Amino acid sequence: MRILVVEDDEILGDGLCEGLRQDGHTVDWLTDGRVAEQALEADTFDTIVLDLSLPGRSGLDILASWRRSQHLTPVLVLTAREGTRDCIAALDLGADDYVVKPFSPKELEARIRCVLRRVEKDPVAGIPNSGLIQVADLRIDTNKRQVFRGDERIRLTGMEFSLLELLVSRSGEPFNRGEILKEVWGYTPERHVDTRVVDVHISRLRSKLEDDPANPELILTARGTGYLFQRIVDSVASEGP
């Protein structure tokens, strides 16, 4: 995989890039926000590791611009320990995950591996062999990792699709936030803020899939537990030519 690291701390950036290269990835490393934004417009990457505090242009501004342009490349953000509010803001803007400094290189590498697995495709038990699921006018294709309403494609990030796929695989059954975090993001929550990753992604999914996100009919809240997808009675879409 080709990874773009945007981090202005020379020691941290050097160690991070070295670890990723040892994992077999091709790594581009930039230290300035404006230069990074130009690189994103001109080139293609499999995932982006983005520090939020950068010279030239902030990581939040870069992320907002990137997602407004409909780019779905996975983004993992880095932030200082006191930057919890920035973490939530980054998730709201479309980040797939975050890591709080200081962190161990192994922790970050594990998070990146999880994101990359979601880019490729991890099969989920409970999905029909055809990979096609029809819910009212919503069509979910788990083989192509795409969602359509009628003929219009609804653009989801890799993590958003993986979350939807997990909920659909056991439609009608609730998942607690810790279970979702472990299944989709690959780690168990250590702090309350960790589960906010799930809440923010659920909110983003609802905004894209629900007719009225404030009164969802597809992705429901399980009181005192977490979330569930409405029970699907006839989940396999008819196969056309």
Protein backbone atom coordinates (compact mmCIF):
# COMPACT_ATOMS: atom_id res chain seq x y z
CA MET A 1 0.00 0.00 0.00
CA ARG A 2 1.05 3.58 -0.61
CA ILE A 3 0.64 5.73 2.50
CA LEU A 4 0.91 9.50 2.86
CA VAL A 5 2.16 10.64 6.27
CA VAL A 6 1.63 14.33 7.07
CA GLU A 7 3.49 15.07 10.32
CA ASP A 8 5.74 18.04 11.13
CA ASP A 9 7.49 16.43 14.12
CA GLU A 10 10.78 15.24 12.61
CA ILE A 11 11.51 12.52 15.19
CA LEU A 12 7.95 11.15 15.22
CA GLY A 13 7.60 11.31 11.45
CA ASP A 14 10.92 9.57 10.82
CA GLY A 15 10.14 6.73 13.24
CA LEU A 16 6.61 6.31 11.90
CA CYS A 17 7.72 6.17 8.27
CA GLU A 18 10.50 3.70 9.06
CA GLY A 19 8.06 1.36 10.81
CA LEU A 20 5.58 1.51 7.93
CA ARG A 21 8.30 0.82 5.38
CA GLN A 22 9.43 -2.19 7.40
CA ASP A 23 5.83 -3.41 7.13
CA GLY A 24 6.27 -3.33 3.35
CA HIS A 25 4.41 -0.11 2.53
CA THR A 26 5.54 2.70 0.24
CA VAL A 27 5.54 5.89 2.32
CA ASP A 28 5.50 9.56 1.29
CA TRP A 29 6.24 11.96 4.15
CA LEU A 30 5.31 15.66 4.15
CA THR A 31 5.60 18.21 6.95
CA ASP A 32 3.57 21.19 5.65
CA GLY A 33 -0.22 21.39 5.38
CA ARG A 34 -0.38 23.33 2.12
CA VAL A 35 2.15 21.06 0.43
CA ALA A 36 0.14 18.04 1.62
CA GLU A 37 -3.07 19.47 0.18
CA GLN A 38 -1.36 19.95 -3.19
CA ALA A 39 -0.05 16.37 -3.07
CA LEU A 40 -3.53 15.02 -2.37
CA GLU A 41 -4.91 16.88 -5.37
CA ALA A 42 -2.14 15.64 -7.65
CA ASP A 43 -1.59 12.06 -6.54
CA THR A 44 -3.31 8.91 -5.25
CA PHE A 45 -2.74 7.15 -1.93
CA ASP A 46 -4.23 4.09 -0.27
CA THR A 47 -4.46 5.73 3.14
CA ILE A 48 -3.48 9.00 4.81
CA VAL A 49 -1.99 9.55 8.30
CA LEU A 50 -2.71 13.19 9.09
CA ASP A 51 -1.52 15.26 12.04
CA LEU A 52 -4.08 17.91 12.98
CA SER A 53 -1.55 20.55 14.06
CA LEU A 54 0.47 21.54 10.99
CA PRO A 55 2.20 24.62 9.60
CA GLY A 56 0.68 26.13 6.49
CA ARG A 57 -2.79 24.62 6.80
CA SER A 58 -4.39 22.67 9.62
CA GLY A 59 -5.19 19.00 9.37
CA LEU A 60 -8.89 19.73 10.01
CA ASP A 61 -9.00 22.13 7.05
CA ILE A 62 -7.26 19.58 4.81
CA LEU A 63 -9.67 16.83 5.89
CA ALA A 64 -12.75 19.01 5.36
CA SER A 65 -11.62 19.98 1.87
CA TRP A 66 -10.71 16.39 1.00
CA ARG A 67 -14.09 14.98 2.02
CA ARG A 68 -16.03 17.81 0.34
CA SER A 69 -14.35 16.70 -2.89
CA GLN A 70 -15.97 13.26 -2.41
CA HIS A 71 -12.64 11.49 -1.86
CA LEU A 72 -13.12 8.29 0.15
CA THR A 73 -9.46 7.43 0.87
CA PRO A 74 -9.14 6.30 4.52
CA VAL A 75 -7.78 8.99 6.85
CA LEU A 76 -6.30 8.31 10.30
CA VAL A 77 -5.65 11.49 12.30
CA LEU A 78 -3.04 12.17 14.98
CA THR A 79 -3.68 14.61 17.81
CA ALA A 80 -2.24 15.67 21.16
CA ARG A 81 -3.69 14.20 24.36
CA GLU A 82 -5.53 17.43 25.21
CA GLY A 83 -7.05 17.53 21.73
CA THR A 84 -10.08 15.30 22.37
CA ARG A 85 -12.37 17.96 20.95
CA ASP A 86 -10.29 18.00 17.78
CA CYS A 87 -10.64 14.20 17.54
CA ILE A 88 -14.42 14.46 17.52
CA ALA A 89 -14.29 17.32 15.02
CA ALA A 90 -12.07 15.21 12.74
CA LEU A 91 -14.45 12.25 12.97
CA ASP A 92 -17.37 14.54 12.13
CA LEU A 93 -15.47 15.72 9.05
CA GLY A 94 -14.93 12.15 7.83
CA ALA A 95 -11.81 10.74 9.52
CA ASP A 96 -11.91 6.95 9.82
CA ASP A 97 -10.03 6.75 13.13
CA TYR A 98 -7.68 8.71 15.38
CA VAL A 99 -4.67 8.12 17.62
CA VAL A 100 -3.79 10.33 20.58
CA LYS A 101 -0.15 11.34 21.19
CA PRO A 102 1.98 10.00 22.73
CA PHE A 103 1.43 6.57 21.21
CA SER A 104 3.58 3.54 20.50
CA PRO A 105 4.55 2.91 16.86
CA LYS A 106 3.04 -0.58 17.19
CA GLU A 107 -0.33 0.88 18.20
CA LEU A 108 -0.41 3.17 15.19
CA GLU A 109 0.73 0.44 12.81
CA ALA A 110 -2.05 -1.83 14.12
CA ARG A 111 -4.64 0.90 13.54
CA ILE A 112 -3.37 1.44 9.99
CA ARG A 113 -3.46 -2.29 9.27
CA CYS A 114 -7.07 -2.39 10.40
CA VAL A 115 -7.99 0.52 8.14
CA LEU A 116 -6.21 -1.10 5.19
CA ARG A 117 -8.03 -4.41 5.77
CA ARG A 118 -11.27 -2.52 5.43
CA VAL A 119 -10.08 -1.00 2.15
CA GLU A 120 -9.40 -4.44 0.69
CA LYS A 121 -12.33 -6.53 2.00
CA ASP A 122 -12.89 -8.67 5.01
CA PRO A 123 -15.79 -11.08 4.50
CA VAL A 124 -18.47 -10.87 7.17
CA ALA A 125 -20.49 -13.88 8.31
CA GLY A 126 -24.23 -13.57 7.82
CA ILE A 127 -24.03 -11.92 4.39
CA PRO A 128 -25.68 -13.89 1.51
CA ASN A 129 -23.36 -15.53 -1.01
CA SER A 130 -24.61 -13.22 -3.75
CA GLY A 131 -23.43 -10.26 -1.69
CA LEU A 132 -26.63 -8.41 -2.62
CA ILE A 133 -29.02 -7.08 0.00
CA GLN A 134 -32.21 -5.16 -0.74
CA VAL A 135 -33.91 -3.03 1.91
CA ALA A 136 -36.85 -1.08 0.46
CA ASP A 137 -35.24 1.13 -2.25
CA LEU A 138 -31.75 0.62 -0.79
CA ARG A 139 -29.43 -1.90 -2.50
CA ILE A 140 -26.24 -3.00 -0.74
CA ASP A 141 -23.57 -4.80 -2.76
CA THR A 142 -21.03 -6.24 -0.31
CA ASN A 143 -18.82 -7.64 -3.09
CA LYS A 144 -18.29 -4.23 -4.69
CA ARG A 145 -18.71 -2.47 -1.33
CA GLN A 146 -21.21 -0.07 -2.81
CA VAL A 147 -24.67 1.19 -1.82
CA PHE A 148 -27.37 2.45 -4.19
CA ARG A 149 -30.74 4.11 -3.79
CA GLY A 150 -32.43 3.36 -7.06
CA ASP A 151 -29.79 4.12 -9.70
CA GLU A 152 -27.96 6.65 -7.55
CA ARG A 153 -24.82 5.56 -5.73
CA ILE A 154 -24.45 6.64 -2.09
CA ARG A 155 -20.77 7.23 -1.46
CA LEU A 156 -19.52 5.66 1.79
CA THR A 157 -16.00 5.57 3.20
CA GLY A 158 -14.45 2.15 3.83
CA MET A 159 -15.18 2.30 7.56
CA GLU A 160 -18.75 3.49 6.98
CA PHE A 161 -19.39 0.55 4.67
CA SER A 162 -17.79 -1.93 7.07
CA LEU A 163 -19.99 -0.63 9.89
CA LEU A 164 -23.10 -0.94 7.72
CA GLU A 165 -22.09 -4.44 6.63
CA LEU A 166 -21.64 -5.55 10.24
CA LEU A 167 -25.04 -4.21 11.32
CA VAL A 168 -26.78 -5.78 8.32
CA SER A 169 -25.09 -9.16 8.91
CA ARG A 170 -27.17 -9.57 12.07
CA SER A 171 -30.15 -7.42 11.24
CA GLY A 172 -32.61 -7.10 14.11
CA GLU A 173 -29.94 -7.92 16.72
CA PRO A 174 -28.30 -5.15 18.78
CA PHE A 175 -24.55 -4.56 18.93
CA ASN A 176 -23.02 -2.71 21.87
CA ARG A 177 -20.50 0.02 21.10
CA GLY A 178 -17.53 -1.98 22.38
CA GLU A 179 -18.42 -4.91 20.14
CA ILE A 180 -18.75 -2.66 17.10
CA LEU A 181 -15.42 -0.98 17.89
CA LYS A 182 -13.67 -4.33 18.14
CA GLU A 183 -15.25 -5.82 14.99
CA VAL A 184 -14.86 -2.80 12.69
CA TRP A 185 -11.89 -0.86 14.11
CA GLY A 186 -10.02 -3.80 15.62
CA TYR A 187 -9.49 -2.59 19.18
CA THR A 188 -11.34 -2.48 22.49
CA PRO A 189 -12.22 0.86 24.09
CA GLU A 190 -9.84 2.11 26.78
CA ARG A 191 -11.48 5.52 27.28
CA HIS A 192 -15.01 6.79 26.94
CA VAL A 193 -14.00 8.91 23.96
CA ASP A 194 -13.03 5.74 22.02
CA THR A 195 -16.69 4.74 21.63
CA ARG A 196 -17.44 8.16 20.16
CA VAL A 197 -15.84 6.82 16.98
CA VAL A 198 -18.82 4.50 16.69
CA ASP A 199 -21.40 7.19 17.51
CA VAL A 200 -20.01 9.61 14.94
CA HIS A 201 -19.91 6.97 12.20
CA ILE A 202 -23.48 5.92 13.00
CA SER A 203 -24.53 9.56 12.70
CA ARG A 204 -22.78 9.86 9.33
CA LEU A 205 -24.38 6.67 8.05
CA ARG A 206 -27.82 7.89 9.07
CA SER A 207 -27.25 11.21 7.31
CA LYS A 208 -26.50 9.32 4.08
CA LEU A 209 -29.04 6.47 4.27
CA GLU A 210 -32.06 7.69 6.22
CA ASP A 211 -34.87 9.82 4.79
CA ASP A 212 -35.04 11.58 8.17
CA PRO A 213 -31.78 11.08 10.13
CA ALA A 214 -33.36 12.53 13.27
CA ASN A 215 -36.00 9.78 13.18
CA PRO A 216 -34.13 6.79 11.72
CA GLU A 217 -35.98 3.76 10.37
CA LEU A 218 -33.00 1.68 9.22
CA ILE A 219 -30.23 2.15 11.79
CA LEU A 220 -31.91 2.09 15.18
CA THR A 221 -30.66 2.84 18.67
CA ALA A 222 -30.84 -0.08 21.10
CA ARG A 223 -31.68 1.59 24.39
CA GLY A 224 -28.87 1.08 26.91
CA THR A 225 -26.92 -1.12 24.46
CA GLY A 226 -25.82 0.35 21.18
CA TYR A 227 -27.23 0.05 17.68
CA LEU A 228 -29.00 -2.35 15.34
CA PHE A 229 -30.19 -2.48 11.75
CA GLN A 230 -33.91 -3.07 11.24
CA ARG A 231 -34.73 -6.74 10.72
CA ILE A 232 -34.46 -7.68 7.06
CA VAL A 233 -37.11 -10.15 5.97
CA ASP A 234 -36.06 -10.67 2.35
CA SER A 235 -32.42 -9.65 2.19
CA VAL A 236 -31.20 -11.20 -1.08
CA ALA A 237 -31.75 -9.04 -4.13
CA SER A 238 -32.94 -10.88 -7.24
CA GLU A 239 -30.05 -11.52 -9.57
CA GLY A 240 -30.41 -9.94 -12.98
CA PRO A 241 -28.54 -10.82 -16.15
